Amino acid sequence: MISFIICLALLIGGYFVYGKVVENTFAPDDRETPAVRINDGVDYVVMPQWKLFLVQLLNIAGLGPIFGAMQGALWGPVVFLWITFGTIFAGGVHDYFSGMLSERNDGASISEVCGIYLGNVMKNVMRVFSVVLLVMVGTVFAVGPAGLIVTLLGNKGVTGVLANPEVWLWIILAYYFVATFISIDKIIGRIYPLFGICLIVMAVGVIVGIFTNPNYTIPEIWTHFTNMHPAGKPIWSFMFITVACGAISGFHSTQSPLMARCMKSEKQGHFVFYGAMVAEGVIALIWAAAGCSIYKITGGLSTGLNDILANGQSAAIYDVCIKTMGGVGVALAMIGVIVCPITSGDTAFRSARLVLADWFKVDQNKMQKRLMLCVPLLAVGAFVGHLDYAIVWRYFSWTNQTLAMIVLWTASMYLFREKKNYWITAVPATFMSAVSMTYFFCAEECLGLSTKVAYPVGIILAAAFLGIFIRATKKPMKA
């Protein structure tokens, strides 16, 4: 429990200390923002700072810091370290720069931003990566809630059509269709902040339930500093890919432009982007603590947690809510892990629409043109939603972290051009390059090579990426 409290304190302190370092490095000023200058009443709409924060938190969170953190807890409390330091030095930095670089470039999608600083080849790579990732995120955040709704109704004895996850999947996709093309302030700006508050309240309820129940004890890192995964999966780099949204997530860079288009002042970036990532890190830390403390450990392995996760993410989340909050947990589970993921899913498809609009130069002021992009996107989402969920999640995780890697290199190039300290982004970019490349070589869904091959190759490639970047900094900049 002490190590959990220390990590929690580090996360909060990281927002005020390192978050300020990041902000000062970027140096926001008083220039007119895209929300004020463009303001089209659809995607560019000025919102107050508190609403920006809550909407950003809801957009980037969903099931990510919940289910990803619980899966990460299979490795034991060592996951606390990745959530804490990953959030402070990688995730928060990634989210801040993805949002602020978009803001500095008229609210451009992250693929267009990457093209500005890394060239046209990377722009096209990022366009494809972004759309693929966003469709998978939207699908993940539709299938998961649909399954949890069926779980909750099943526990209430409901049968028939309403107990069919297929029905709920189509209902959620229908909602996505509407929310993807209407003005951002019609639904997202009005009611999503309330759901963001619910997500926070649910996390608080879980940790209070753990602290007040004498049967639950959060294990210490120093007494469980081993690999506790029942299947023996290595910590490097599987844990770093699995936790994803709870530490650093490329998906966030696709969401940040949504709020970059709604900021009244650049100085709101620290609270909106870095602050929302820290809040998500706290939520992930709490759910990881739940996974480590509530379930049985056998022979130094997280067997109890593994068993409950085998029943599906919906059953696992429902079980934690019931064990920590009782009947109240059921209501919070419905709001926190049904509504909140859905709200991340619709903004995922919304972001995909904007990426395609920037890509093909399709003006989004007219509803007909927005529908022209929404219809095929949701059709693809419906198809992906019927694939094996576990496989979709694994590909989502790797694509997610690879996108984060590219965005951090983009921020590094921006800082170099501005003659600022680029190491605050280049170091986490190198680290995430090693994580992503190692996973690509050794994961079953990728190349499936031995770790004896994957480890050195992944690290060598990360070093090569750093070398390419350093070489680029030695070349004279174009006027």
Protein backbone atom coordinates (compact mmCIF):
# COMPACT_ATOMS: atom_id res chain seq x y z
CA MET A 1 0.00 0.00 0.00
CA ILE A 2 2.93 2.32 0.70
CA SER A 3 4.29 1.93 -2.82
CA PHE A 4 0.85 2.75 -4.24
CA ILE A 5 0.67 5.97 -2.19
CA ILE A 6 4.21 6.93 -3.25
CA CYS A 7 3.34 6.41 -6.92
CA LEU A 8 0.13 8.41 -6.50
CA ALA A 9 2.09 11.28 -4.91
CA LEU A 10 4.66 11.15 -7.72
CA LEU A 11 1.93 11.41 -10.35
CA ILE A 12 0.36 14.45 -8.70
CA GLY A 13 3.76 16.05 -8.11
CA GLY A 14 4.74 15.29 -11.71
CA TYR A 15 1.88 17.42 -12.99
CA PHE A 16 3.06 20.48 -11.08
CA VAL A 17 6.81 20.00 -11.52
CA TYR A 18 7.65 18.17 -14.74
CA GLY A 19 4.46 19.31 -16.42
CA LYS A 20 5.60 22.88 -15.85
CA VAL A 21 9.02 22.06 -17.31
CA VAL A 22 7.32 20.74 -20.44
CA GLU A 23 5.09 23.82 -20.68
CA ASN A 24 8.02 26.21 -20.26
CA THR A 25 9.95 24.35 -22.94
CA PHE A 26 7.11 24.81 -25.42
CA ALA A 27 6.51 28.40 -24.20
CA PRO A 28 2.82 29.12 -24.90
CA ASP A 29 1.99 32.74 -25.71
CA ASP A 30 -1.00 35.03 -26.26
CA ARG A 31 -1.48 34.46 -30.00
CA GLU A 32 -5.02 34.02 -31.33
CA THR A 33 -6.06 30.37 -31.24
CA PRO A 34 -7.81 28.46 -34.06
CA ALA A 35 -11.01 28.30 -31.98
CA VAL A 36 -11.18 32.09 -31.98
CA ARG A 37 -9.78 32.72 -35.46
CA ILE A 38 -11.70 30.03 -37.41
CA ASN A 39 -14.76 29.22 -35.25
CA ASP A 40 -16.95 27.35 -37.74
CA GLY A 41 -19.57 26.27 -35.19
CA VAL A 42 -18.92 22.57 -35.93
CA ASP A 43 -15.38 21.52 -34.97
CA TYR A 44 -13.90 24.91 -34.00
CA VAL A 45 -15.87 26.08 -30.96
CA VAL A 46 -14.53 27.92 -27.89
CA MET A 47 -15.08 25.99 -24.64
CA PRO A 48 -14.21 26.89 -21.02
CA GLN A 49 -11.07 25.30 -19.58
CA TRP A 50 -12.82 23.01 -17.07
CA LYS A 51 -14.97 21.59 -19.86
CA LEU A 52 -11.95 21.13 -22.13
CA PHE A 53 -10.22 19.12 -19.40
CA LEU A 54 -13.17 16.83 -18.71
CA VAL A 55 -13.94 16.24 -22.38
CA GLN A 56 -10.25 15.54 -23.10
CA LEU A 57 -10.13 13.09 -20.17
CA LEU A 58 -13.24 11.31 -21.38
CA ASN A 59 -12.01 11.23 -24.97
CA ILE A 60 -8.64 9.66 -24.09
CA ALA A 61 -9.83 7.37 -21.28
CA GLY A 62 -12.71 5.01 -22.02
CA LEU A 63 -11.73 1.42 -21.22
CA GLY A 64 -8.02 2.08 -21.77
CA PRO A 65 -6.85 2.96 -18.24
CA ILE A 66 -9.27 0.40 -16.78
CA PHE A 67 -8.95 -2.80 -18.74
CA GLY A 68 -5.38 -2.14 -19.89
CA ALA A 69 -4.29 -1.50 -16.30
CA MET A 70 -6.01 -4.65 -15.04
CA GLN A 71 -4.28 -6.68 -17.72
CA GLY A 72 -1.03 -5.00 -16.75
CA ALA A 73 -1.61 -6.03 -13.12
CA LEU A 74 -1.04 -9.64 -14.22
CA TRP A 75 2.67 -8.79 -14.01
CA GLY A 76 2.23 -7.64 -10.41
CA PRO A 77 2.83 -4.27 -8.72
CA VAL A 78 5.84 -3.64 -10.96
CA VAL A 79 3.20 -2.20 -13.30
CA PHE A 80 2.87 0.76 -10.88
CA LEU A 81 6.31 1.95 -11.98
CA TRP A 82 5.43 1.99 -15.67
CA ILE A 83 2.12 3.77 -15.06
CA THR A 84 3.80 6.40 -12.88
CA PHE A 85 6.98 7.18 -14.78
CA GLY A 86 5.42 6.48 -18.17
CA THR A 87 2.71 9.05 -17.47
CA ILE A 88 5.07 11.73 -16.18
CA PHE A 89 7.93 11.46 -18.66
CA ALA A 90 6.26 9.99 -21.75
CA GLY A 91 2.46 10.10 -21.78
CA GLY A 92 2.05 13.62 -20.43
CA VAL A 93 4.78 14.93 -22.73
CA HIS A 94 3.24 13.15 -25.73
CA ASP A 95 -0.26 14.46 -25.03
CA TYR A 96 0.90 18.03 -24.40
CA PHE A 97 2.93 18.33 -27.58
CA SER A 98 0.37 16.55 -29.77
CA GLY A 99 -2.26 19.04 -28.59
CA MET A 100 -0.10 22.14 -28.75
CA LEU A 101 1.47 21.35 -32.13
CA SER A 102 -2.03 20.87 -33.52
CA GLU A 103 -3.08 24.17 -31.98
CA ARG A 104 -0.07 25.91 -33.56
CA ASN A 105 -1.09 24.52 -36.97
CA ASP A 106 -4.76 25.56 -37.12
CA GLY A 107 -5.99 22.47 -35.25
CA ALA A 108 -4.60 20.09 -37.86
CA SER A 109 -4.98 16.32 -37.40
CA ILE A 110 -1.92 14.60 -35.98
CA SER A 111 -1.07 13.00 -39.34
CA GLU A 112 -0.84 16.44 -40.95
CA VAL A 113 1.25 17.73 -38.04
CA CYS A 114 3.69 14.84 -38.45
CA GLY A 115 3.96 15.64 -42.14
CA ILE A 116 4.93 19.23 -41.38
CA TYR A 117 7.90 18.22 -39.24
CA LEU A 118 8.84 14.76 -40.58
CA GLY A 119 8.01 15.05 -44.28
CA ASN A 120 5.38 13.80 -46.73
CA VAL A 121 6.32 10.13 -46.50
CA MET A 122 5.68 10.08 -42.77
CA LYS A 123 2.53 12.14 -43.29
CA ASN A 124 1.06 9.39 -45.48
CA VAL A 125 2.21 6.68 -43.08
CA MET A 126 0.54 8.53 -40.22
CA ARG A 127 -2.65 9.04 -42.20
CA VAL A 128 -3.01 5.30 -42.67
CA PHE A 129 -1.90 4.51 -39.10
CA SER A 130 -4.29 7.08 -37.64
CA VAL A 131 -7.38 5.93 -39.52
CA VAL A 132 -6.68 2.25 -38.83
CA LEU A 133 -6.08 2.92 -35.13
CA LEU A 134 -9.14 5.13 -34.78
CA VAL A 135 -11.44 2.57 -36.39
CA MET A 136 -10.05 -0.13 -34.07
CA VAL A 137 -10.47 2.14 -31.03
CA GLY A 138 -14.03 2.97 -32.00
CA THR A 139 -14.73 -0.74 -32.44
CA VAL A 140 -13.05 -1.75 -29.16
CA PHE A 141 -15.08 0.92 -27.37
CA ALA A 142 -18.30 -0.42 -28.89
CA VAL A 143 -17.82 -4.17 -28.38
CA GLY A 144 -16.65 -3.75 -24.75
CA PRO A 145 -19.66 -1.73 -23.53
CA ALA A 146 -22.06 -3.97 -25.48
CA GLY A 147 -20.66 -6.98 -23.62
CA LEU A 148 -20.92 -5.26 -20.25
CA ILE A 149 -24.54 -4.26 -20.87
CA VAL A 150 -25.37 -7.91 -21.57
CA THR A 151 -23.47 -8.96 -18.41
CA LEU A 152 -25.40 -6.49 -16.26
CA LEU A 153 -28.76 -7.45 -17.79
CA GLY A 154 -27.93 -11.15 -17.46
CA ASN A 155 -27.27 -10.69 -13.75
CA LYS A 156 -30.72 -9.10 -13.48
CA GLY A 157 -32.32 -12.11 -15.19
CA VAL A 158 -33.03 -10.33 -18.48
CA THR A 159 -33.23 -12.62 -21.52
CA GLY A 160 -34.30 -12.36 -25.14
CA VAL A 161 -33.30 -9.65 -27.61
CA LEU A 162 -31.87 -7.33 -24.94
CA ALA A 163 -29.49 -10.07 -23.81
CA ASN A 164 -27.92 -10.23 -27.27
CA PRO A 165 -24.59 -8.29 -27.52
CA GLU A 166 -25.10 -8.02 -31.30
CA VAL A 167 -28.18 -5.85 -30.74
CA TRP A 168 -26.33 -3.50 -28.39
CA LEU A 169 -23.36 -3.30 -30.76
CA TRP A 170 -25.61 -2.01 -33.53
CA ILE A 171 -27.32 0.44 -31.16
CA ILE A 172 -23.94 1.86 -30.13
CA LEU A 173 -22.76 2.08 -33.74
CA ALA A 174 -25.97 3.93 -34.62
CA TYR A 175 -25.21 6.45 -31.89
CA TYR A 176 -21.66 6.79 -33.23
CA PHE A 177 -23.08 7.59 -36.63
CA VAL A 178 -25.04 10.54 -35.26
CA ALA A 179 -22.38 11.84 -32.84
CA THR A 180 -19.60 11.66 -35.44
CA PHE A 181 -20.93 14.36 -37.75
CA ILE A 182 -22.96 16.79 -35.59
CA SER A 183 -21.44 19.92 -34.03
CA ILE A 184 -18.99 19.18 -31.21
CA ASP A 185 -20.94 21.29 -28.72
CA LYS A 186 -24.30 19.56 -29.30
CA ILE A 187 -23.54 16.39 -27.33
CA ILE A 188 -19.81 16.24 -26.56
CA GLY A 189 -19.55 19.75 -25.13
CA ARG A 190 -22.77 19.53 -23.12
CA ILE A 191 -23.00 16.15 -21.42
CA TYR A 192 -19.56 14.55 -21.75
CA PRO A 193 -18.10 16.57 -18.85
CA LEU A 194 -20.67 14.89 -16.58
CA PHE A 195 -19.51 11.46 -17.71
CA GLY A 196 -15.89 12.53 -17.14
CA ILE A 197 -16.80 13.31 -13.54
CA CYS A 198 -18.43 9.86 -13.25
CA LEU A 199 -15.22 8.21 -14.46
CA ILE A 200 -13.29 9.98 -11.71
CA VAL A 201 -15.91 9.17 -9.06
CA MET A 202 -15.83 5.49 -10.03
CA ALA A 203 -12.05 5.35 -9.63
CA VAL A 204 -12.32 7.03 -6.22
CA GLY A 205 -14.99 4.53 -5.20
CA VAL A 206 -12.76 1.59 -6.18
CA ILE A 207 -9.75 2.77 -4.19
CA VAL A 208 -11.87 3.71 -1.16
CA GLY A 209 -13.42 0.23 -1.30
CA ILE A 210 -9.94 -1.34 -1.30
CA PHE A 211 -8.64 0.83 1.54
CA THR A 212 -11.68 0.19 3.75
CA ASN A 213 -11.84 -3.58 3.22
CA PRO A 214 -9.42 -5.44 5.54
CA ASN A 215 -9.42 -8.41 3.14
CA TYR A 216 -7.68 -6.40 0.44
CA THR A 217 -4.03 -5.38 0.64
CA ILE A 218 -2.17 -3.67 -2.18
CA PRO A 219 1.18 -5.52 -2.47
CA GLU A 220 4.42 -3.56 -2.27
CA ILE A 221 6.70 -3.26 -5.26
CA TRP A 222 9.81 -4.15 -3.25
CA THR A 223 8.37 -7.43 -1.96
CA HIS A 224 6.87 -8.46 -5.31
CA PHE A 225 9.51 -7.22 -7.73
CA THR A 226 9.13 -10.25 -9.96
CA ASN A 227 7.25 -11.29 -13.07
CA MET A 228 3.91 -12.52 -11.70
CA HIS A 229 2.26 -13.20 -15.07
CA PRO A 230 0.71 -16.71 -14.96
CA ALA A 231 1.58 -17.36 -18.62
CA GLY A 232 5.15 -16.20 -18.09
CA LYS A 233 4.94 -13.41 -20.65
CA PRO A 234 8.01 -11.18 -20.31
CA ILE A 235 7.68 -7.73 -18.81
CA TRP A 236 9.66 -6.24 -21.69
CA SER A 237 7.97 -5.26 -23.85
CA PHE A 238 4.58 -6.93 -23.37
CA MET A 239 3.63 -5.03 -20.22
CA PHE A 240 4.48 -1.68 -21.82
CA ILE A 241 2.29 -2.43 -24.82
CA THR A 242 -0.58 -3.91 -22.78
CA VAL A 243 -1.07 -1.01 -20.34
CA ALA A 244 -1.00 1.52 -23.21
CA CYS A 245 -3.52 4.25 -22.31
CA GLY A 246 -2.57 4.18 -18.62
CA ALA A 247 0.98 5.37 -19.35
CA ILE A 248 1.30 6.58 -22.94
CA SER A 249 -1.04 6.18 -25.88
CA GLY A 250 -0.82 7.24 -29.50
CA PHE A 251 -4.61 7.30 -29.58
CA HIS A 252 -4.44 10.42 -27.41
CA SER A 253 -2.63 12.31 -30.17
CA THR A 254 -5.62 11.70 -32.43
CA GLN A 255 -7.96 13.15 -29.79
CA SER A 256 -5.91 16.17 -28.71
CA PRO A 257 -6.63 18.11 -31.95
CA LEU A 258 -10.35 18.01 -31.06
CA MET A 259 -9.67 20.12 -27.97
CA ALA A 260 -6.89 22.09 -29.70
CA ARG A 261 -9.68 23.41 -31.94
CA CYS A 262 -11.67 24.55 -28.88
CA MET A 263 -9.05 26.33 -26.73
CA LYS A 264 -9.36 30.05 -26.07
CA SER A 265 -5.73 30.38 -24.92
CA GLU A 266 -2.51 28.42 -25.46
CA LYS A 267 -1.87 28.63 -21.73
CA GLN A 268 -4.72 26.19 -21.12
CA GLY A 269 -2.61 23.39 -22.62
CA HIS A 270 -0.85 22.38 -19.40
CA PHE A 271 -4.10 21.68 -17.58
CA VAL A 272 -6.04 20.31 -20.55
CA PHE A 273 -3.45 18.00 -22.15
CA TYR A 274 -0.79 17.19 -19.55
CA GLY A 275 -3.35 17.35 -16.74
CA ALA A 276 -5.82 14.98 -18.39
CA MET A 277 -3.01 12.45 -18.97
CA VAL A 278 -2.00 12.60 -15.31
CA ALA A 279 -5.64 12.10 -14.31
CA GLU A 280 -5.77 9.06 -16.56
CA GLY A 281 -2.54 7.78 -15.01
CA VAL A 282 -4.15 8.06 -11.57
CA ILE A 283 -7.20 6.13 -12.78
CA ALA A 284 -4.96 3.44 -14.28
CA LEU A 285 -2.93 3.21 -11.05
CA ILE A 286 -6.13 2.63 -9.06
CA TRP A 287 -7.39 -0.12 -11.37
CA ALA A 288 -3.98 -1.78 -11.43
CA ALA A 289 -4.02 -1.70 -7.63
CA ALA A 290 -7.46 -3.35 -7.70
CA GLY A 291 -6.15 -6.12 -9.93
CA CYS A 292 -3.16 -6.68 -7.64
CA SER A 293 -5.04 -6.61 -4.32
CA ILE A 294 -8.48 -8.17 -4.79
CA TYR A 295 -7.58 -11.47 -6.43
CA LYS A 296 -5.75 -14.55 -5.21
CA ILE A 297 -2.03 -15.02 -5.77
CA THR A 298 -0.84 -18.60 -6.12
CA GLY A 299 2.84 -19.49 -6.10
CA GLY A 300 3.80 -15.86 -6.66
CA LEU A 301 1.58 -15.64 -9.77
CA SER A 302 -1.57 -13.58 -10.42
CA THR A 303 -3.79 -16.62 -10.95
CA GLY A 304 -6.98 -15.15 -9.50
CA LEU A 305 -6.85 -12.08 -11.70
CA ASN A 306 -6.03 -14.24 -14.71
CA ASP A 307 -9.14 -16.36 -14.07
CA ILE A 308 -11.50 -13.39 -13.87
CA LEU A 309 -9.98 -11.77 -16.98
CA ALA A 310 -10.54 -15.05 -18.83
CA ASN A 311 -14.28 -14.38 -18.48
CA GLY A 312 -13.90 -11.20 -20.52
CA GLN A 313 -13.19 -7.58 -19.71
CA SER A 314 -16.85 -6.83 -18.98
CA ALA A 315 -17.06 -9.52 -16.32
CA ALA A 316 -13.76 -8.42 -14.75
CA ILE A 317 -14.75 -4.76 -14.47
CA TYR A 318 -18.17 -5.66 -13.13
CA ASP A 319 -16.56 -7.95 -10.53
CA VAL A 320 -14.22 -5.21 -9.26
CA CYS A 321 -17.08 -2.72 -8.94
CA ILE A 322 -19.22 -5.20 -7.01
CA LYS A 323 -16.37 -6.23 -4.68
CA THR A 324 -15.32 -2.66 -3.87
CA MET A 325 -18.60 -0.72 -3.96
CA GLY A 326 -21.44 -3.25 -3.74
CA GLY A 327 -24.74 -2.20 -5.29
CA VAL A 328 -23.50 1.33 -5.92
CA GLY A 329 -20.74 -0.22 -8.00
CA VAL A 330 -23.29 -1.61 -10.45
CA ALA A 331 -24.62 1.87 -11.23
CA LEU A 332 -21.12 3.31 -11.50
CA ALA A 333 -20.04 0.41 -13.68
CA MET A 334 -22.87 1.19 -16.06
CA ILE A 335 -21.87 4.84 -16.28
CA GLY A 336 -18.12 4.48 -16.02
CA VAL A 337 -17.43 1.50 -18.24
CA ILE A 338 -20.41 1.60 -20.57
CA VAL A 339 -21.08 5.27 -21.24
CA CYS A 340 -17.45 6.46 -20.93
CA PRO A 341 -16.00 4.01 -23.48
CA ILE A 342 -18.84 4.84 -25.85
CA THR A 343 -17.97 8.52 -25.58
CA SER A 344 -14.35 7.71 -26.48
CA GLY A 345 -15.51 5.55 -29.36
CA ASP A 346 -17.58 8.26 -31.00
CA THR A 347 -14.75 10.81 -30.77
CA ALA A 348 -12.46 8.16 -32.30
CA PHE A 349 -14.70 8.00 -35.36
CA ARG A 350 -15.02 11.79 -35.29
CA SER A 351 -11.22 12.08 -35.35
CA ALA A 352 -11.06 9.56 -38.20
CA ARG A 353 -13.48 11.77 -40.13
CA LEU A 354 -11.26 14.80 -39.56
CA VAL A 355 -8.10 12.90 -40.58
CA LEU A 356 -9.78 11.88 -43.84
CA ALA A 357 -11.09 15.41 -44.33
CA ASP A 358 -7.59 16.88 -43.94
CA TRP A 359 -6.17 14.14 -46.15
CA PHE A 360 -8.55 14.56 -49.07
CA LYS A 361 -9.28 18.27 -48.49
CA VAL A 362 -12.99 17.72 -47.92
CA ASP A 363 -14.64 20.79 -46.42
CA GLN A 364 -16.61 19.83 -43.29
CA ASN A 365 -18.94 22.82 -43.00
CA LYS A 366 -21.71 21.06 -44.92
CA MET A 367 -23.50 18.07 -43.39
CA GLN A 368 -23.61 16.19 -46.70
CA LYS A 369 -19.83 16.13 -46.93
CA ARG A 370 -19.49 15.02 -43.32
CA LEU A 371 -21.91 12.17 -44.03
CA MET A 372 -19.88 11.22 -47.09
CA LEU A 373 -17.00 10.31 -44.75
CA CYS A 374 -19.03 9.00 -41.80
CA VAL A 375 -20.94 6.30 -43.68
CA PRO A 376 -17.92 4.28 -44.93
CA LEU A 377 -16.11 4.71 -41.61
CA LEU A 378 -18.97 3.25 -39.61
CA ALA A 379 -19.39 0.45 -42.17
CA VAL A 380 -15.76 -0.57 -41.65
CA GLY A 381 -16.25 -0.30 -37.89
CA ALA A 382 -19.23 -2.64 -38.06
CA PHE A 383 -17.12 -5.19 -39.95
CA VAL A 384 -14.20 -5.00 -37.49
CA GLY A 385 -16.66 -5.30 -34.60
CA HIS A 386 -17.44 -8.84 -35.70
CA LEU A 387 -13.82 -9.99 -35.67
CA ASP A 388 -12.15 -11.77 -32.71
CA TYR A 389 -12.05 -9.11 -29.97
CA ALA A 390 -8.79 -10.38 -28.43
CA ILE A 391 -6.99 -10.12 -31.77
CA VAL A 392 -8.34 -6.61 -32.44
CA TRP A 393 -7.17 -5.50 -28.97
CA ARG A 394 -3.63 -6.83 -29.52
CA TYR A 395 -3.27 -5.09 -32.87
CA PHE A 396 -4.76 -1.95 -31.38
CA SER A 397 -2.17 -1.99 -28.58
CA TRP A 398 0.83 -2.26 -30.90
CA THR A 399 -0.51 0.27 -33.43
CA ASN A 400 -1.30 2.57 -30.53
CA GLN A 401 2.23 2.60 -29.10
CA THR A 402 3.86 2.84 -32.52
CA LEU A 403 1.79 5.95 -33.21
CA ALA A 404 2.97 7.41 -29.87
CA MET A 405 6.57 6.74 -30.91
CA ILE A 406 6.14 8.65 -34.18
CA VAL A 407 4.44 11.60 -32.47
CA LEU A 408 7.28 11.91 -29.96
CA TRP A 409 9.82 12.01 -32.82
CA THR A 410 7.66 14.68 -34.45
CA ALA A 411 7.76 16.78 -31.28
CA SER A 412 11.53 16.29 -31.10
CA MET A 413 11.97 17.67 -34.61
CA TYR A 414 9.73 20.62 -33.78
CA LEU A 415 11.81 21.44 -30.69
CA PHE A 416 15.02 21.15 -32.70
CA ARG A 417 13.69 23.58 -35.29
CA GLU A 418 12.70 25.98 -32.53
CA LYS A 419 16.18 25.60 -30.93
CA LYS A 420 14.70 24.27 -27.70
CA ASN A 421 15.51 21.28 -25.46
CA TYR A 422 14.48 18.36 -27.67
CA TRP A 423 15.74 15.71 -25.24
CA ILE A 424 12.52 15.86 -23.21
CA THR A 425 10.81 14.23 -26.20
CA ALA A 426 13.74 12.43 -27.87
CA VAL A 427 14.44 10.25 -24.79
CA PRO A 428 10.87 8.89 -24.45
CA ALA A 429 10.73 8.61 -28.27
CA THR A 430 13.80 6.35 -28.20
CA PHE A 431 12.37 4.31 -25.33
CA MET A 432 9.03 3.83 -27.08
CA SER A 433 10.85 2.91 -30.29
CA ALA A 434 12.56 0.08 -28.41
CA VAL A 435 9.24 -1.01 -26.89
CA SER A 436 7.33 -0.96 -30.17
CA MET A 437 10.03 -2.59 -32.30
CA THR A 438 10.76 -5.32 -29.75
CA TYR A 439 7.08 -6.20 -29.50
CA PHE A 440 6.73 -6.26 -33.28
CA PHE A 441 9.50 -8.84 -33.57
CA CYS A 442 8.45 -11.14 -30.72
CA ALA A 443 4.63 -10.92 -30.41
CA GLU A 444 2.64 -13.85 -31.80
CA GLU A 445 0.36 -11.61 -33.87
CA CYS A 446 3.42 -9.97 -35.47
CA LEU A 447 6.65 -11.83 -36.39
CA GLY A 448 6.69 -14.18 -33.38
CA LEU A 449 10.48 -14.41 -33.14
CA SER A 450 12.42 -15.48 -30.05
CA THR A 451 13.20 -12.83 -27.46
CA LYS A 452 16.88 -13.64 -28.03
CA VAL A 453 16.42 -12.13 -31.48
CA ALA A 454 13.70 -9.57 -30.75
CA TYR A 455 15.39 -7.87 -27.78
CA PRO A 456 18.69 -6.92 -29.45
CA VAL A 457 17.04 -6.10 -32.78
CA GLY A 458 14.46 -3.85 -31.10
CA ILE A 459 17.08 -1.99 -29.11
CA ILE A 460 19.39 -1.64 -32.13
CA LEU A 461 16.53 -0.19 -34.19
CA ALA A 462 15.68 2.29 -31.42
CA ALA A 463 19.34 3.37 -31.31
CA ALA A 464 19.26 3.69 -35.10
CA PHE A 465 16.20 5.95 -34.93
CA LEU A 466 17.99 8.14 -32.39
CA GLY A 467 21.05 8.21 -34.61
CA ILE A 468 18.94 9.30 -37.61
CA PHE A 469 17.40 12.06 -35.53
CA ILE A 470 20.76 13.29 -34.21
CA ARG A 471 22.15 13.26 -37.74
CA ALA A 472 19.19 15.35 -38.86
CA THR A 473 19.96 17.90 -36.15
CA LYS A 474 23.48 18.31 -37.55
CA LYS A 475 22.23 19.33 -40.97
CA PRO A 476 21.71 23.05 -41.61
CA MET A 477 18.06 24.02 -41.39
CA LYS A 478 16.26 25.37 -44.47
CA ALA A 479 15.37 29.01 -44.28
